[in-house]
Amino acid sequence: MLQIKTSLDWANIETEITRLGNTLPMFKHDIKRICESIRPEITTLSKLELENRRQQTSTTARKCREQADKINETLKLFQKFHLMALLGQ
């Protein structure tokens, strides 16, 4: 299961998404766009993580968790999309 805990996880997850995309060549463009839409969210998460390391407050930690949860929801949606596309073949 694809899941983000920190912004550093994105490199591995993007590689995995691309690998999964290669199993569905007809959706390759869509998968590329999904990755492009997640990148700004990862950048935001990275900035929040930096802020959390500087301030170390519960508020900044909560913001990091919320951003990671938001990205994870998108990744869950991608996994459902990928499963439906595989079943549809």
C-alpha atoms as a PDB file:
ATOM      1  CA  MET A   1       0.000   0.000   0.000  1.00  0.00           C
ATOM      2  CA  LEU A   2       1.298   3.406  -0.945  1.00  0.00           C
ATOM      3  CA  GLN A   3       1.459   5.764   1.993  1.00  0.00           C
ATOM      4  CA  ILE A   4       3.315   8.980   2.825  1.00  0.00           C
ATOM      5  CA  LYS A   5       4.724   9.482   6.301  1.00  0.00           C
ATOM      6  CA  THR A   6       7.276  12.173   5.416  1.00  0.00           C
ATOM      7  CA  SER A   7       8.060  14.104   2.269  1.00  0.00           C
ATOM      8  CA  LEU A   8      11.143  11.925   1.808  1.00  0.00           C
ATOM      9  CA  ASP A   9       8.870   8.965   1.013  1.00  0.00           C
ATOM     10  CA  TRP A  10       7.715  10.621  -2.204  1.00  0.00           C
ATOM     11  CA  ALA A  11      10.664   9.487  -4.357  1.00  0.00           C
ATOM     12  CA  ASN A  12       9.910   5.814  -3.673  1.00  0.00           C
ATOM     13  CA  ILE A  13       6.176   6.251  -4.057  1.00  0.00           C
ATOM     14  CA  GLU A  14       6.505   8.152  -7.328  1.00  0.00           C
ATOM     15  CA  THR A  15       8.688   5.344  -8.669  1.00  0.00           C
ATOM     16  CA  GLU A  16       6.076   2.805  -7.582  1.00  0.00           C
ATOM     17  CA  ILE A  17       3.246   4.804  -9.179  1.00  0.00           C
ATOM     18  CA  THR A  18       5.221   4.989 -12.422  1.00  0.00           C
ATOM     19  CA  ARG A  19       5.877   1.251 -12.280  1.00  0.00           C
ATOM     20  CA  LEU A  20       2.180   0.575 -11.756  1.00  0.00           C
ATOM     21  CA  GLY A  21       1.417   2.948 -14.612  1.00  0.00           C
ATOM     22  CA  ASN A  22       3.514   0.846 -16.938  1.00  0.00           C
ATOM     23  CA  THR A  23       1.058  -2.016 -16.400  1.00  0.00           C
ATOM     24  CA  LEU A  24      -1.650   0.218 -17.893  1.00  0.00           C
ATOM     25  CA  PRO A  25      -0.173   1.909 -20.964  1.00  0.00           C
ATOM     26  CA  MET A  26      -3.508   3.451 -21.986  1.00  0.00           C
ATOM     27  CA  PHE A  27      -3.545   5.482 -18.744  1.00  0.00           C
ATOM     28  CA  LYS A  28       0.119   6.497 -18.781  1.00  0.00           C
ATOM     29  CA  HIS A  29      -0.724  10.163 -19.432  1.00  0.00           C
ATOM     30  CA  ASP A  30      -3.292  10.202 -16.605  1.00  0.00           C
ATOM     31  CA  ILE A  31      -0.813   8.687 -14.170  1.00  0.00           C
ATOM     32  CA  LYS A  32       1.764  11.303 -15.123  1.00  0.00           C
ATOM     33  CA  ARG A  33      -0.795  14.019 -14.386  1.00  0.00           C
ATOM     34  CA  ILE A  34      -1.627  12.423 -11.027  1.00  0.00           C
ATOM     35  CA  CYS A  35       2.057  12.565 -10.059  1.00  0.00           C
ATOM     36  CA  GLU A  36       2.269  16.181 -11.204  1.00  0.00           C
ATOM     37  CA  SER A  37      -0.758  17.083  -9.099  1.00  0.00           C
ATOM     38  CA  ILE A  38       0.694  15.439  -5.979  1.00  0.00           C
ATOM     39  CA  ARG A  39       4.113  17.156  -6.240  1.00  0.00           C
ATOM     40  CA  PRO A  40       2.893  20.580  -4.994  1.00  0.00           C
ATOM     41  CA  GLU A  41       1.258  18.838  -2.031  1.00  0.00           C
ATOM     42  CA  ILE A  42       4.580  17.141  -1.263  1.00  0.00           C
ATOM     43  CA  THR A  43       6.316  20.523  -1.433  1.00  0.00           C
ATOM     44  CA  THR A  44       3.798  21.897   1.042  1.00  0.00           C
ATOM     45  CA  LEU A  45       4.366  18.906   3.322  1.00  0.00           C
ATOM     46  CA  SER A  46       8.119  19.461   3.144  1.00  0.00           C
ATOM     47  CA  LYS A  47       7.730  23.102   4.154  1.00  0.00           C
ATOM     48  CA  LEU A  48       5.460  22.131   7.027  1.00  0.00           C
ATOM     49  CA  GLU A  49       8.003  19.551   8.182  1.00  0.00           C
ATOM     50  CA  LEU A  50      10.715  22.206   8.211  1.00  0.00           C
ATOM     51  CA  GLU A  51       8.450  24.504  10.183  1.00  0.00           C
ATOM     52  CA  ASN A  52       7.711  21.676  12.613  1.00  0.00           C
ATOM     53  CA  ARG A  53      11.418  20.991  13.148  1.00  0.00           C
ATOM     54  CA  ARG A  54      12.010  24.664  13.876  1.00  0.00           C
ATOM     55  CA  GLN A  55       9.079  25.276  16.211  1.00  0.00           C
ATOM     56  CA  GLN A  56       8.259  21.779  17.507  1.00  0.00           C
ATOM     57  CA  THR A  57       4.744  22.647  18.586  1.00  0.00           C
ATOM     58  CA  SER A  58       1.658  20.481  18.543  1.00  0.00           C
ATOM     59  CA  THR A  59       0.056  22.809  16.013  1.00  0.00           C
ATOM     60  CA  THR A  60       2.801  22.388  13.428  1.00  0.00           C
ATOM     61  CA  ALA A  61       2.884  18.614  14.029  1.00  0.00           C
ATOM     62  CA  ARG A  62      -0.884  18.488  13.477  1.00  0.00           C
ATOM     63  CA  LYS A  63      -0.558  20.441  10.230  1.00  0.00           C
ATOM     64  CA  CYS A  64       2.061  17.954   9.023  1.00  0.00           C
ATOM     65  CA  ARG A  65      -0.203  15.020   9.833  1.00  0.00           C
ATOM     66  CA  GLU A  66      -3.160  16.674   8.117  1.00  0.00           C
ATOM     67  CA  GLN A  67      -1.133  17.342   4.969  1.00  0.00           C
ATOM     68  CA  ALA A  68       0.185  13.766   4.933  1.00  0.00           C
ATOM     69  CA  ASP A  69      -3.377  12.480   5.393  1.00  0.00           C
ATOM     70  CA  LYS A  70      -4.542  14.611   2.477  1.00  0.00           C
ATOM     71  CA  ILE A  71      -1.827  13.144   0.250  1.00  0.00           C
ATOM     72  CA  ASN A  72      -2.611   9.629   1.471  1.00  0.00           C
ATOM     73  CA  GLU A  73      -6.257  10.092   0.493  1.00  0.00           C
ATOM     74  CA  THR A  74      -5.125  10.962  -3.032  1.00  0.00           C
ATOM     75  CA  LEU A  75      -2.879   7.895  -3.087  1.00  0.00           C
ATOM     76  CA  LYS A  76      -5.783   5.690  -1.942  1.00  0.00           C
ATOM     77  CA  LEU A  77      -7.885   7.109  -4.751  1.00  0.00           C
ATOM     78  CA  PHE A  78      -5.098   6.316  -7.225  1.00  0.00           C
ATOM     79  CA  GLN A  79      -4.895   2.747  -5.934  1.00  0.00           C
ATOM     80  CA  LYS A  80      -8.650   2.316  -6.406  1.00  0.00           C
ATOM     81  CA  PHE A  81      -8.366   3.771  -9.908  1.00  0.00           C
ATOM     82  CA  HIS A  82      -5.524   1.382 -10.711  1.00  0.00           C
ATOM     83  CA  LEU A  83      -7.438  -1.634  -9.393  1.00  0.00           C
ATOM     84  CA  MET A  84     -10.546  -0.740 -11.387  1.00  0.00           C
ATOM     85  CA  ALA A  85      -8.473  -0.296 -14.543  1.00  0.00           C
ATOM     86  CA  LEU A  86      -6.832  -3.697 -14.017  1.00  0.00           C
ATOM     87  CA  LEU A  87     -10.201  -5.355 -13.453  1.00  0.00           C
ATOM     88  CA  GLY A  88     -11.574  -3.631 -16.535  1.00  0.00           C
ATOM     89  CA  GLN A  89      -9.004  -5.149 -18.841  1.00  0.00           C
END
